[in-house]
N, C-alpha and C. Protein backbone atom coordinates (compact mmCIF):
# COMPACT_ATOMS: atom_id res chain seq x y z
N MET A 1 54.69 143.40 -237.63
CA MET A 1 55.40 142.24 -237.01
C MET A 1 54.97 141.87 -235.49
N ARG A 2 54.85 140.59 -235.34
CA ARG A 2 54.52 140.19 -234.03
C ARG A 2 55.75 139.34 -233.28
N PHE A 3 55.87 139.86 -232.16
CA PHE A 3 56.88 139.34 -231.39
C PHE A 3 56.26 138.44 -230.18
N HIS A 4 56.95 137.29 -230.24
CA HIS A 4 56.52 136.20 -229.40
C HIS A 4 57.10 136.33 -227.87
N GLN A 5 56.38 136.39 -226.93
CA GLN A 5 56.95 136.57 -225.51
C GLN A 5 57.56 135.15 -225.21
N PRO A 6 58.73 135.08 -224.64
CA PRO A 6 59.06 133.88 -224.20
C PRO A 6 58.40 133.25 -222.94
N CYS A 7 58.27 132.00 -222.88
CA CYS A 7 57.47 131.15 -222.07
C CYS A 7 58.30 131.13 -220.81
N VAL A 8 57.66 131.65 -219.51
CA VAL A 8 58.43 131.74 -218.36
C VAL A 8 57.48 131.01 -217.29
N MET A 9 58.02 130.09 -216.60
CA MET A 9 57.14 129.39 -215.61
C MET A 9 57.53 129.98 -214.19
N PHE A 10 56.59 130.49 -213.56
CA PHE A 10 56.67 130.99 -212.18
C PHE A 10 56.51 129.93 -211.10
N ARG A 11 57.30 129.97 -210.04
CA ARG A 11 56.98 128.93 -208.96
C ARG A 11 56.71 129.77 -207.63
N PRO A 12 55.85 129.16 -206.97
CA PRO A 12 55.55 130.11 -205.57
C PRO A 12 56.79 130.33 -204.81
N ILE A 13 56.95 131.53 -204.24
CA ILE A 13 58.23 131.75 -203.49
C ILE A 13 58.32 130.83 -202.41
N GLY A 14 57.26 130.51 -201.66
CA GLY A 14 57.26 129.49 -200.64
C GLY A 14 57.91 128.27 -200.85
N LEU A 15 57.62 127.70 -202.10
CA LEU A 15 58.07 126.46 -202.61
C LEU A 15 59.59 126.49 -202.94
N LEU A 16 60.03 127.69 -203.53
CA LEU A 16 61.33 127.74 -203.82
C LEU A 16 62.21 127.76 -202.50
N ILE A 17 61.66 128.60 -201.45
CA ILE A 17 62.47 128.60 -200.27
C ILE A 17 62.54 127.40 -199.46
N SER A 18 61.34 126.62 -199.61
CA SER A 18 61.42 125.26 -198.98
C SER A 18 62.58 124.32 -199.41
N PHE A 19 62.90 124.38 -200.73
CA PHE A 19 63.87 123.58 -201.20
C PHE A 19 65.22 124.33 -201.38
N GLY A 20 65.25 125.49 -201.01
CA GLY A 20 66.64 126.09 -201.07
C GLY A 20 67.12 126.70 -202.32
N LEU A 21 66.04 126.84 -203.37
CA LEU A 21 66.55 127.14 -204.70
C LEU A 21 66.78 128.50 -204.88
N LEU A 22 66.32 129.32 -203.97
CA LEU A 22 66.85 130.78 -204.08
C LEU A 22 68.21 131.18 -203.46
N ALA A 23 68.71 130.15 -202.94
CA ALA A 23 70.26 130.45 -202.26
C ALA A 23 71.00 129.32 -202.73
N SER A 24 70.93 128.97 -203.88
CA SER A 24 72.00 127.99 -204.22
C SER A 24 73.28 128.53 -204.36
N PRO A 25 74.29 127.97 -203.99
CA PRO A 25 74.33 126.44 -203.61
C PRO A 25 74.00 126.27 -202.10
N GLY A 26 73.33 127.00 -201.51
CA GLY A 26 73.05 126.96 -200.15
C GLY A 26 71.70 125.86 -199.95
N ARG A 27 71.37 125.57 -198.65
CA ARG A 27 70.24 124.70 -198.39
C ARG A 27 69.62 125.26 -197.35
N VAL A 28 68.11 125.25 -197.53
CA VAL A 28 67.45 125.44 -196.42
C VAL A 28 66.46 124.29 -196.01
N ILE A 29 66.45 123.95 -194.84
CA ILE A 29 65.66 122.57 -194.46
C ILE A 29 64.71 123.05 -193.26
N ASN A 30 63.39 122.78 -193.57
CA ASN A 30 62.41 123.30 -192.54
C ASN A 30 61.74 121.77 -192.02
N PHE A 31 62.00 120.71 -192.48
CA PHE A 31 61.51 119.36 -191.94
C PHE A 31 59.92 119.20 -192.29
N ASP A 32 59.23 120.08 -192.96
CA ASP A 32 57.83 120.02 -193.16
C ASP A 32 57.35 118.96 -194.17
N THR A 33 58.38 118.35 -194.99
CA THR A 33 58.00 117.31 -195.88
C THR A 33 58.28 116.06 -195.49
N TYR A 34 58.81 115.93 -194.16
CA TYR A 34 59.07 114.56 -193.68
C TYR A 34 57.99 114.08 -192.79
N SER A 35 57.99 112.73 -192.77
CA SER A 35 57.00 112.01 -191.73
C SER A 35 57.21 112.18 -190.41
N PRO A 36 56.26 112.56 -189.72
CA PRO A 36 56.28 112.63 -188.24
C PRO A 36 56.46 111.18 -187.58
N GLY A 37 57.17 111.23 -186.52
CA GLY A 37 57.46 110.07 -185.72
C GLY A 37 58.72 109.32 -186.15
N LYS A 38 59.31 109.69 -187.39
CA LYS A 38 60.49 109.07 -187.99
C LYS A 38 61.67 109.95 -188.15
N THR A 39 62.88 109.35 -188.22
CA THR A 39 64.12 110.08 -188.58
C THR A 39 63.94 110.48 -189.94
N PRO A 40 64.52 111.81 -190.28
CA PRO A 40 64.35 112.33 -191.59
C PRO A 40 65.45 111.74 -192.42
N PRO A 41 65.18 111.53 -193.75
CA PRO A 41 66.26 111.03 -194.70
C PRO A 41 67.22 112.08 -194.91
N GLY A 42 68.53 111.82 -195.26
CA GLY A 42 69.40 112.63 -195.60
C GLY A 42 70.25 113.02 -194.48
N TRP A 43 70.10 112.53 -193.28
CA TRP A 43 70.94 112.82 -192.13
C TRP A 43 71.65 111.60 -191.61
N THR A 44 72.84 111.77 -190.81
CA THR A 44 73.41 110.63 -190.29
C THR A 44 73.45 111.02 -188.77
N PHE A 45 73.12 110.03 -187.99
CA PHE A 45 73.16 110.39 -186.45
C PHE A 45 74.07 109.57 -185.76
N ALA A 46 74.82 110.28 -184.94
CA ALA A 46 75.99 109.75 -183.95
C ALA A 46 75.82 110.42 -182.58
N ALA A 47 76.96 110.12 -181.93
CA ALA A 47 77.09 110.64 -180.63
C ALA A 47 78.47 110.62 -180.23
N THR A 48 78.85 111.59 -179.38
CA THR A 48 80.22 111.57 -178.77
C THR A 48 80.10 111.24 -177.32
N ASN A 49 81.14 110.44 -176.98
CA ASN A 49 81.24 109.88 -175.61
C ASN A 49 80.15 108.89 -175.29
N ARG A 50 79.91 108.65 -174.18
CA ARG A 50 79.22 107.56 -173.37
C ARG A 50 77.59 107.81 -173.65
N GLY A 51 76.93 106.70 -173.09
CA GLY A 51 75.53 106.81 -173.32
C GLY A 51 74.81 105.99 -174.29
N GLY A 52 73.54 105.71 -174.18
CA GLY A 52 72.90 104.94 -175.18
C GLY A 52 72.59 105.78 -176.38
N PRO A 53 71.82 105.22 -177.49
CA PRO A 53 71.43 105.81 -178.73
C PRO A 53 70.58 106.94 -178.28
N ALA A 54 70.76 108.05 -179.14
CA ALA A 54 69.79 109.17 -179.07
C ALA A 54 68.53 108.79 -179.87
N ARG A 55 67.47 109.62 -179.69
CA ARG A 55 66.30 109.47 -180.50
C ARG A 55 65.92 110.79 -181.03
N TRP A 56 66.37 110.87 -182.38
CA TRP A 56 65.80 111.91 -183.42
C TRP A 56 64.76 111.55 -184.00
N GLU A 57 63.77 112.54 -184.10
CA GLU A 57 62.61 112.30 -184.89
C GLU A 57 61.87 113.54 -185.27
N VAL A 58 61.01 113.58 -186.38
CA VAL A 58 60.22 114.54 -186.80
C VAL A 58 58.99 114.70 -185.90
N VAL A 59 58.72 115.76 -185.21
CA VAL A 59 57.60 116.07 -184.38
C VAL A 59 56.72 117.24 -184.78
N LYS A 60 55.51 117.23 -184.50
CA LYS A 60 54.58 118.23 -184.56
C LYS A 60 54.72 119.45 -183.53
N ASP A 61 54.77 120.80 -184.06
CA ASP A 61 54.80 121.87 -183.12
C ASP A 61 54.39 123.05 -183.85
N GLN A 62 53.25 123.47 -183.46
CA GLN A 62 52.47 124.54 -184.31
C GLN A 62 53.21 125.99 -183.85
N THR A 63 54.06 125.89 -182.96
CA THR A 63 54.63 127.13 -182.58
C THR A 63 56.08 127.23 -183.40
N ALA A 64 56.31 126.39 -184.17
CA ALA A 64 57.61 126.35 -185.00
C ALA A 64 57.66 127.70 -185.83
N PRO A 65 58.76 128.12 -186.21
CA PRO A 65 58.94 129.20 -187.14
C PRO A 65 58.43 128.70 -188.58
N THR A 66 58.55 127.56 -189.05
CA THR A 66 57.79 127.17 -190.17
C THR A 66 56.98 125.85 -189.93
N PRO A 67 55.72 125.92 -189.36
CA PRO A 67 55.03 124.83 -188.92
C PRO A 67 54.55 124.01 -189.99
N PRO A 68 54.27 122.80 -189.95
CA PRO A 68 54.02 122.07 -188.45
C PRO A 68 55.05 121.35 -187.91
N TYR A 69 56.08 120.95 -188.59
CA TYR A 69 57.02 119.91 -188.25
C TYR A 69 58.36 120.49 -187.88
N VAL A 70 59.10 119.92 -186.88
CA VAL A 70 60.43 120.07 -186.58
C VAL A 70 61.28 118.94 -186.32
N LEU A 71 62.56 119.11 -186.26
CA LEU A 71 63.30 117.84 -185.85
C LEU A 71 63.81 117.91 -184.41
N ALA A 72 63.27 117.02 -183.56
CA ALA A 72 63.64 116.87 -182.22
C ALA A 72 64.43 115.74 -181.75
N GLN A 73 65.35 116.19 -180.76
CA GLN A 73 65.97 115.19 -180.05
C GLN A 73 65.20 114.79 -178.83
N THR A 74 64.78 113.63 -178.57
CA THR A 74 63.74 113.43 -177.37
C THR A 74 64.18 112.54 -176.22
N SER A 75 65.47 111.93 -176.45
CA SER A 75 65.91 111.10 -175.43
C SER A 75 66.58 112.02 -174.29
N SER A 76 66.52 111.54 -173.11
CA SER A 76 66.97 112.50 -171.93
C SER A 76 67.78 111.60 -170.96
N GLU A 77 68.74 110.86 -171.59
CA GLU A 77 69.62 110.10 -170.73
C GLU A 77 70.62 111.10 -169.95
N ALA A 78 70.85 111.04 -168.67
CA ALA A 78 71.66 111.96 -168.00
C ALA A 78 72.93 111.65 -167.79
N VAL A 79 73.73 111.51 -168.86
CA VAL A 79 75.11 111.15 -168.74
C VAL A 79 76.06 112.30 -169.19
N ARG A 80 76.89 112.44 -168.26
CA ARG A 80 77.79 113.74 -168.49
C ARG A 80 78.64 113.80 -169.71
N ASP A 81 78.61 114.63 -170.53
CA ASP A 81 79.35 114.82 -171.79
C ASP A 81 78.85 114.02 -172.76
N ARG A 82 77.60 113.64 -172.76
CA ARG A 82 77.09 112.84 -173.88
C ARG A 82 76.44 113.99 -174.99
N PHE A 83 76.86 113.80 -176.11
CA PHE A 83 76.46 114.76 -177.14
C PHE A 83 75.76 114.06 -178.33
N PRO A 84 74.64 113.88 -178.30
CA PRO A 84 74.03 113.26 -179.70
C PRO A 84 74.02 114.29 -180.79
N ILE A 85 74.25 113.83 -181.97
CA ILE A 85 74.66 114.46 -183.15
C ILE A 85 73.80 114.13 -184.22
N ALA A 86 73.28 115.20 -185.15
CA ALA A 86 72.61 114.91 -186.35
C ALA A 86 73.34 115.74 -187.30
N ILE A 87 74.01 114.90 -188.38
CA ILE A 87 74.83 115.57 -189.38
C ILE A 87 74.08 115.48 -190.80
N LEU A 88 74.16 116.72 -191.37
CA LEU A 88 73.43 116.63 -192.72
C LEU A 88 74.28 116.09 -193.81
N ASP A 89 73.82 115.22 -194.54
CA ASP A 89 74.66 114.49 -195.56
C ASP A 89 74.61 115.40 -196.95
N GLY A 90 75.76 115.25 -197.50
CA GLY A 90 75.84 115.67 -198.96
C GLY A 90 76.42 117.18 -198.94
N ILE A 91 76.68 117.78 -197.81
CA ILE A 91 77.42 119.22 -197.90
C ILE A 91 78.58 119.19 -196.88
N SER A 92 79.61 119.80 -197.52
CA SER A 92 80.88 119.89 -196.79
C SER A 92 81.36 121.26 -197.01
N LEU A 93 81.74 122.07 -195.93
CA LEU A 93 82.33 123.26 -196.16
C LEU A 93 83.33 123.75 -195.29
N ARG A 94 84.02 124.57 -195.71
CA ARG A 94 85.17 125.09 -194.71
C ARG A 94 84.92 126.46 -194.24
N ASP A 95 84.35 127.31 -195.20
CA ASP A 95 83.81 128.75 -194.79
C ASP A 95 82.41 128.83 -195.31
N GLY A 96 81.57 129.53 -194.33
CA GLY A 96 80.21 129.67 -194.64
C GLY A 96 79.43 130.06 -193.60
N ASP A 97 78.01 130.36 -193.74
CA ASP A 97 77.24 130.63 -192.60
C ASP A 97 76.30 129.54 -192.30
N VAL A 98 76.05 129.08 -191.00
CA VAL A 98 75.07 127.93 -190.60
C VAL A 98 74.31 128.50 -189.52
N SER A 99 73.01 128.23 -189.59
CA SER A 99 72.00 128.82 -188.80
C SER A 99 70.93 127.77 -188.56
N VAL A 100 70.38 127.99 -187.35
CA VAL A 100 69.17 127.15 -186.99
C VAL A 100 68.29 127.76 -186.08
N ARG A 101 67.07 127.58 -185.87
CA ARG A 101 66.17 128.01 -184.83
C ARG A 101 66.05 126.85 -183.78
N ILE A 102 66.28 127.29 -182.58
CA ILE A 102 66.27 126.23 -181.42
C ILE A 102 65.48 126.44 -180.36
N LYS A 103 64.83 125.28 -179.85
CA LYS A 103 63.68 125.51 -178.94
C LYS A 103 64.20 124.51 -177.68
N PRO A 104 64.74 124.91 -176.63
CA PRO A 104 65.00 124.02 -175.52
C PRO A 104 63.62 123.49 -174.86
N VAL A 105 63.45 122.39 -174.62
CA VAL A 105 62.17 122.01 -174.07
C VAL A 105 62.18 121.30 -172.60
N SER A 106 63.20 120.61 -172.27
CA SER A 106 63.51 120.17 -170.99
C SER A 106 64.87 119.55 -170.78
N GLY A 107 65.21 119.31 -169.55
CA GLY A 107 66.52 118.87 -169.21
C GLY A 107 66.75 119.11 -167.67
N ASN A 108 67.08 118.06 -166.92
CA ASN A 108 67.40 118.19 -165.46
C ASN A 108 69.01 118.68 -165.25
N GLU A 109 69.66 117.99 -166.10
CA GLU A 109 71.20 118.16 -166.13
C GLU A 109 71.53 119.38 -166.87
N ASP A 110 70.96 119.43 -168.10
CA ASP A 110 71.45 120.51 -169.07
C ASP A 110 70.27 120.88 -169.96
N GLN A 111 70.25 122.03 -170.58
CA GLN A 111 69.11 122.39 -171.51
C GLN A 111 69.83 123.06 -172.61
N GLY A 112 70.81 122.28 -173.26
CA GLY A 112 71.54 123.05 -174.27
C GLY A 112 71.60 122.26 -175.56
N GLY A 113 71.89 123.03 -176.57
CA GLY A 113 72.08 122.50 -177.75
C GLY A 113 72.55 123.33 -178.81
N GLY A 114 72.95 123.10 -180.04
CA GLY A 114 73.33 124.07 -181.04
C GLY A 114 73.91 123.43 -182.30
N LEU A 115 74.82 124.24 -182.78
CA LEU A 115 75.39 123.91 -184.20
C LEU A 115 76.81 123.15 -184.18
N VAL A 116 76.99 122.36 -185.22
CA VAL A 116 78.33 121.69 -185.33
C VAL A 116 78.83 122.08 -186.78
N TRP A 117 80.20 122.46 -186.84
CA TRP A 117 80.72 122.66 -188.11
C TRP A 117 81.99 122.34 -188.24
N ARG A 118 82.65 122.04 -189.50
CA ARG A 118 83.80 121.43 -189.74
C ARG A 118 83.93 119.84 -189.16
N TYR A 119 82.80 119.19 -189.29
CA TYR A 119 82.75 117.89 -188.47
C TYR A 119 83.45 116.94 -189.37
N ARG A 120 84.44 116.33 -188.63
CA ARG A 120 85.08 115.10 -189.40
C ARG A 120 84.51 113.79 -189.01
N ASP A 121 84.24 113.61 -187.81
CA ASP A 121 83.85 112.28 -187.06
C ASP A 121 83.04 112.70 -185.69
N PRO A 122 82.53 111.72 -184.99
CA PRO A 122 81.91 112.04 -183.70
C PRO A 122 82.88 112.58 -182.72
N ASN A 123 84.27 112.38 -183.04
CA ASN A 123 85.16 112.87 -182.08
C ASN A 123 86.00 114.17 -182.48
N ASN A 124 85.74 114.71 -183.57
CA ASN A 124 86.46 115.78 -184.03
C ASN A 124 85.47 116.94 -184.74
N TYR A 125 85.48 117.99 -184.11
CA TYR A 125 84.54 119.11 -184.69
C TYR A 125 84.57 120.40 -183.85
N TYR A 126 83.93 121.27 -184.41
CA TYR A 126 83.73 122.52 -183.66
C TYR A 126 81.98 122.49 -183.27
N LEU A 127 81.71 123.16 -182.03
CA LEU A 127 80.23 123.43 -181.77
C LEU A 127 80.07 124.72 -181.15
N VAL A 128 78.87 125.26 -181.38
CA VAL A 128 78.44 126.45 -180.44
C VAL A 128 77.23 125.91 -179.95
N ARG A 129 77.15 126.23 -178.54
CA ARG A 129 76.08 125.71 -177.67
C ARG A 129 75.39 126.84 -176.94
N ALA A 130 74.06 126.91 -177.14
CA ALA A 130 73.14 127.67 -176.40
C ALA A 130 72.40 127.13 -175.28
N ASN A 131 72.60 127.54 -173.96
CA ASN A 131 72.05 127.01 -172.89
C ASN A 131 70.88 127.60 -172.25
N ALA A 132 69.73 127.09 -172.04
CA ALA A 132 68.72 127.77 -171.46
C ALA A 132 68.76 127.70 -169.88
N MET A 133 69.42 126.72 -169.36
CA MET A 133 69.66 126.53 -168.02
C MET A 133 70.31 127.63 -167.26
N ASN A 134 71.33 128.30 -168.05
CA ASN A 134 72.36 129.40 -167.44
C ASN A 134 72.20 130.53 -168.22
N ASN A 135 71.45 130.44 -169.35
CA ASN A 135 71.40 131.63 -170.28
C ASN A 135 72.86 132.08 -170.67
N SER A 136 73.51 131.02 -171.37
CA SER A 136 74.77 131.32 -171.85
C SER A 136 75.08 130.75 -173.20
N ILE A 137 76.24 131.36 -173.92
CA ILE A 137 76.54 130.85 -175.11
C ILE A 137 78.12 130.45 -175.05
N ALA A 138 78.49 129.41 -175.59
CA ALA A 138 79.95 128.92 -175.41
C ALA A 138 80.22 128.25 -176.78
N VAL A 139 81.42 128.40 -177.16
CA VAL A 139 82.13 127.70 -178.35
C VAL A 139 83.16 126.75 -177.88
N PHE A 140 83.05 125.51 -178.22
CA PHE A 140 84.06 124.45 -177.91
C PHE A 140 84.63 123.79 -179.24
N LYS A 141 85.64 122.99 -178.96
CA LYS A 141 86.40 122.24 -179.79
C LYS A 141 86.34 120.92 -179.19
N ILE A 142 85.98 119.90 -179.99
CA ILE A 142 85.93 118.34 -179.70
C ILE A 142 87.02 117.82 -180.48
N GLN A 143 88.11 117.45 -179.86
CA GLN A 143 89.13 116.74 -180.53
C GLN A 143 89.62 115.47 -179.76
N ASP A 144 89.74 114.46 -180.61
CA ASP A 144 89.83 113.10 -180.10
C ASP A 144 89.02 112.75 -178.94
N GLY A 145 87.65 113.40 -179.16
CA GLY A 145 86.64 113.19 -177.94
C GLY A 145 86.79 113.74 -176.94
N ARG A 146 87.71 114.74 -176.95
CA ARG A 146 87.78 115.67 -175.62
C ARG A 146 87.36 116.98 -175.95
N ARG A 147 86.63 117.58 -174.97
CA ARG A 147 85.99 118.89 -175.06
C ARG A 147 86.95 119.92 -174.42
N SER A 148 87.23 121.14 -175.13
CA SER A 148 87.98 122.12 -174.77
C SER A 148 87.24 123.53 -175.09
N VAL A 149 87.23 124.45 -174.13
CA VAL A 149 86.55 125.60 -174.45
C VAL A 149 87.41 126.60 -175.36
N LEU A 150 86.70 127.20 -176.41
CA LEU A 150 87.29 128.32 -177.17
C LEU A 150 86.83 129.56 -176.75
N ARG A 151 85.50 129.77 -176.59
CA ARG A 151 85.10 130.99 -176.06
C ARG A 151 83.82 130.66 -175.03
N SER A 152 83.71 131.23 -173.92
CA SER A 152 82.58 130.99 -173.01
C SER A 152 82.37 132.30 -172.20
N GLY A 153 81.32 132.16 -171.32
CA GLY A 153 81.12 133.35 -170.54
C GLY A 153 80.32 134.40 -170.89
N VAL A 154 79.65 134.21 -172.09
CA VAL A 154 78.82 135.24 -172.80
C VAL A 154 77.25 134.87 -172.36
N ARG A 155 76.66 136.01 -171.64
CA ARG A 155 75.44 135.77 -171.15
C ARG A 155 74.43 136.23 -172.33
N HIS A 156 73.43 135.43 -172.42
CA HIS A 156 72.34 135.90 -173.49
C HIS A 156 71.11 135.02 -173.14
N ASP A 157 69.83 135.61 -173.08
CA ASP A 157 68.63 134.96 -172.82
C ASP A 157 68.37 134.01 -173.83
N ILE A 158 68.26 132.79 -173.34
CA ILE A 158 67.73 131.55 -174.27
C ILE A 158 66.49 130.97 -173.57
N PRO A 159 65.36 131.44 -173.88
CA PRO A 159 64.31 130.96 -173.00
C PRO A 159 63.66 129.66 -173.24
N LEU A 160 63.46 128.95 -172.26
CA LEU A 160 62.71 127.67 -172.32
C LEU A 160 61.53 127.61 -173.01
N ASN A 161 61.18 126.57 -173.92
CA ASN A 161 60.06 126.42 -174.46
C ASN A 161 59.80 127.64 -175.46
N ARG A 162 60.63 128.35 -175.95
CA ARG A 162 60.58 129.31 -176.87
C ARG A 162 61.58 129.36 -177.97
N TRP A 163 61.50 129.89 -179.07
CA TRP A 163 62.53 129.74 -180.22
C TRP A 163 63.35 130.87 -180.26
N SER A 164 64.75 130.63 -180.39
CA SER A 164 65.73 131.51 -180.60
C SER A 164 66.46 131.09 -181.87
N LEU A 165 67.16 131.98 -182.59
CA LEU A 165 67.93 131.78 -183.68
C LEU A 165 69.36 131.90 -183.33
N LEU A 166 70.06 130.91 -183.71
CA LEU A 166 71.60 130.69 -183.45
C LEU A 166 72.32 130.46 -184.80
N LYS A 167 73.39 131.17 -185.06
CA LYS A 167 74.03 131.08 -186.32
C LYS A 167 75.67 131.27 -186.02
N VAL A 168 76.40 130.54 -186.95
CA VAL A 168 77.81 130.73 -186.75
C VAL A 168 78.36 131.11 -188.22
N SER A 169 79.19 132.07 -188.29
CA SER A 169 79.79 132.35 -189.46
C SER A 169 81.35 132.24 -189.44
N ALA A 170 81.84 131.20 -190.32
CA ALA A 170 83.12 130.66 -190.12
C ALA A 170 83.96 131.19 -191.45
N ARG A 171 85.15 131.71 -191.29
CA ARG A 171 86.09 132.17 -192.29
C ARG A 171 87.40 131.95 -191.92
N GLY A 172 88.02 130.94 -192.45
CA GLY A 172 89.40 130.48 -192.23
C GLY A 172 89.41 130.02 -190.66
N PRO A 173 90.35 130.66 -189.92
CA PRO A 173 90.34 130.15 -188.57
C PRO A 173 89.48 131.08 -187.58
N ARG A 174 88.81 132.05 -188.22
CA ARG A 174 87.80 133.03 -187.38
C ARG A 174 86.43 132.53 -187.51
N PHE A 175 85.86 132.70 -186.33
CA PHE A 175 84.33 132.51 -186.31
C PHE A 175 83.77 133.59 -185.56
N GLN A 176 82.37 133.76 -185.84
CA GLN A 176 81.50 134.73 -185.03
C GLN A 176 80.10 134.23 -185.08
N ILE A 177 79.74 134.22 -183.88
CA ILE A 177 78.54 133.72 -183.23
C ILE A 177 77.51 134.77 -183.14
N TYR A 178 76.20 134.40 -183.64
CA TYR A 178 75.04 135.25 -183.55
C TYR A 178 73.72 134.68 -182.75
N VAL A 179 73.14 135.39 -182.14
CA VAL A 179 71.83 135.10 -181.42
C VAL A 179 70.80 136.02 -181.77
N ASP A 180 69.68 135.64 -182.46
CA ASP A 180 68.77 136.47 -182.78
C ASP A 180 69.17 137.66 -183.55
N HIS A 181 70.20 137.25 -184.53
CA HIS A 181 70.62 138.53 -185.38
C HIS A 181 71.60 139.25 -184.74
N ARG A 182 72.07 139.21 -183.51
CA ARG A 182 73.04 140.00 -182.74
C ARG A 182 74.17 139.19 -182.53
N ARG A 183 75.37 139.68 -182.94
CA ARG A 183 76.69 139.17 -182.84
C ARG A 183 76.91 139.15 -181.14
N VAL A 184 77.18 138.02 -180.76
CA VAL A 184 77.52 137.98 -179.26
C VAL A 184 79.06 137.48 -178.94
N MET A 185 79.64 137.06 -179.96
CA MET A 185 81.12 136.68 -179.58
C MET A 185 81.83 136.27 -180.91
N GLU A 186 83.10 136.35 -180.92
CA GLU A 186 83.94 135.98 -181.90
C GLU A 186 85.29 135.42 -181.43
N GLY A 187 85.98 134.64 -182.23
CA GLY A 187 87.13 134.03 -181.81
C GLY A 187 87.97 133.35 -182.95
N GLN A 188 89.01 132.72 -182.74
CA GLN A 188 89.64 132.03 -183.67
C GLN A 188 90.44 130.63 -183.19
N ASP A 189 90.58 129.61 -184.13
CA ASP A 189 91.10 128.49 -183.70
C ASP A 189 91.74 127.70 -185.08
N SER A 190 92.83 127.20 -185.14
CA SER A 190 93.33 126.59 -186.37
C SER A 190 93.50 125.11 -186.16
N THR A 191 92.68 124.56 -185.26
CA THR A 191 92.85 122.99 -185.22
C THR A 191 92.23 122.27 -186.52
N PHE A 192 91.01 122.52 -186.87
CA PHE A 192 90.42 122.10 -188.02
C PHE A 192 90.40 123.12 -189.15
N THR A 193 91.27 122.86 -190.09
CA THR A 193 91.38 123.95 -191.31
C THR A 193 90.70 123.36 -192.53
N GLU A 194 90.42 122.34 -192.64
CA GLU A 194 89.79 121.80 -193.86
C GLU A 194 88.33 121.71 -193.68
N SER A 195 87.79 121.50 -195.02
CA SER A 195 86.19 121.38 -195.08
C SER A 195 85.63 120.33 -194.10
N GLY A 196 84.44 120.57 -193.77
CA GLY A 196 83.87 119.41 -192.89
C GLY A 196 82.36 119.54 -192.94
N LYS A 197 81.69 118.62 -192.54
CA LYS A 197 80.22 118.61 -192.51
C LYS A 197 79.47 119.59 -191.37
N VAL A 198 78.33 119.55 -191.55
CA VAL A 198 77.61 120.56 -190.44
C VAL A 198 76.50 119.81 -189.97
N GLY A 199 76.03 120.13 -188.69
CA GLY A 199 74.83 119.58 -188.27
C GLY A 199 74.35 120.18 -186.90
N LEU A 200 73.63 119.53 -186.22
CA LEU A 200 73.02 119.85 -184.97
C LEU A 200 73.43 118.96 -183.82
N LEU A 201 73.23 119.50 -182.62
CA LEU A 201 73.80 118.72 -181.44
C LEU A 201 73.06 119.12 -180.11
N THR A 202 72.79 118.14 -179.30
CA THR A 202 72.21 118.60 -177.83
C THR A 202 73.32 117.90 -176.87
N LEU A 203 73.02 118.42 -175.65
CA LEU A 203 74.13 118.05 -174.56
C LEU A 203 73.29 117.14 -173.35
N THR A 204 73.96 116.07 -172.91
CA THR A 204 73.55 115.37 -171.91
C THR A 204 72.02 114.96 -171.92
N ASP A 205 71.15 115.43 -171.09
CA ASP A 205 69.75 115.00 -171.11
C ASP A 205 68.77 116.07 -171.72
N SER A 206 69.29 116.96 -172.58
CA SER A 206 68.50 118.07 -172.94
C SER A 206 67.67 117.46 -174.13
N VAL A 207 66.32 117.93 -173.95
CA VAL A 207 65.44 117.61 -175.10
C VAL A 207 65.37 118.92 -175.83
N MET A 208 65.65 118.87 -177.33
CA MET A 208 65.55 120.09 -177.86
C MET A 208 64.96 119.94 -179.26
N TYR A 209 64.31 121.13 -179.80
CA TYR A 209 63.53 121.12 -181.06
C TYR A 209 64.59 121.84 -181.97
N PHE A 210 64.39 121.61 -183.30
CA PHE A 210 65.21 122.48 -184.18
C PHE A 210 64.36 122.57 -185.56
N ASP A 211 64.50 123.68 -186.02
CA ASP A 211 63.67 124.13 -187.17
C ASP A 211 64.61 125.22 -188.08
N ASP A 212 64.13 125.07 -189.36
CA ASP A 212 64.70 126.32 -190.16
C ASP A 212 66.29 126.22 -190.40
N PHE A 213 66.76 125.16 -190.59
CA PHE A 213 68.24 124.87 -190.71
C PHE A 213 68.71 125.40 -192.05
N ARG A 214 69.75 126.33 -192.07
CA ARG A 214 70.24 126.90 -193.20
C ARG A 214 71.70 126.82 -193.27
N VAL A 215 72.21 126.52 -194.45
CA VAL A 215 73.71 126.36 -194.71
C VAL A 215 73.91 127.01 -195.91
N TYR A 216 74.80 128.02 -195.89
CA TYR A 216 75.38 128.78 -197.07
C TYR A 216 76.84 128.89 -197.14
N PRO A 217 77.42 128.01 -197.92
CA PRO A 217 78.83 128.02 -198.20
C PRO A 217 79.35 129.33 -198.90
N LYS A 218 80.45 129.64 -198.36
CA LYS A 218 81.08 130.85 -199.10
C LYS A 218 82.30 130.52 -199.85
């Protein structure tokens, strides 16, 4: 008696990771399939507070964790409390893990950027910011366009023109922040309790590169 083996199609691991298929329902985005010099599809771009429009574009960077392309915010308008935002379309989460590789490139007033979660609109969301100018990590709440500090004062090396890993883990009112796989702070806040979108953010005149953006709802 002959037994027929089932037909199984194997896909390269790298391809699966590129499209986030190994971590469903999570998403892994490395920007390498997008056209350089253009804004990537599947994202909405906005800003909190004053200032002109930000410039988000895909650029080439061979030092990237997943070369050759990254997402960059390249405008450098020095307006205080100006927060350019890039929001990922199609995903909304209350609890989960969100991470990204960040590379501060330049900035005279600030050299900071990071992650946004439970985003409702450009004036209401949480954010964690890593700043290369003073090597600090801080968590803020933006409510009705006003920024208030939830946790700050944590010192951690954020090198200019080098890559760091920033991650937030949110569960109910609690959040934990990690830098390069090390937990650096935790806290809680109950302002935004519903699901919201996630994304990326820069501050004032900061030019920042982003790569390997990962979202894992829980």
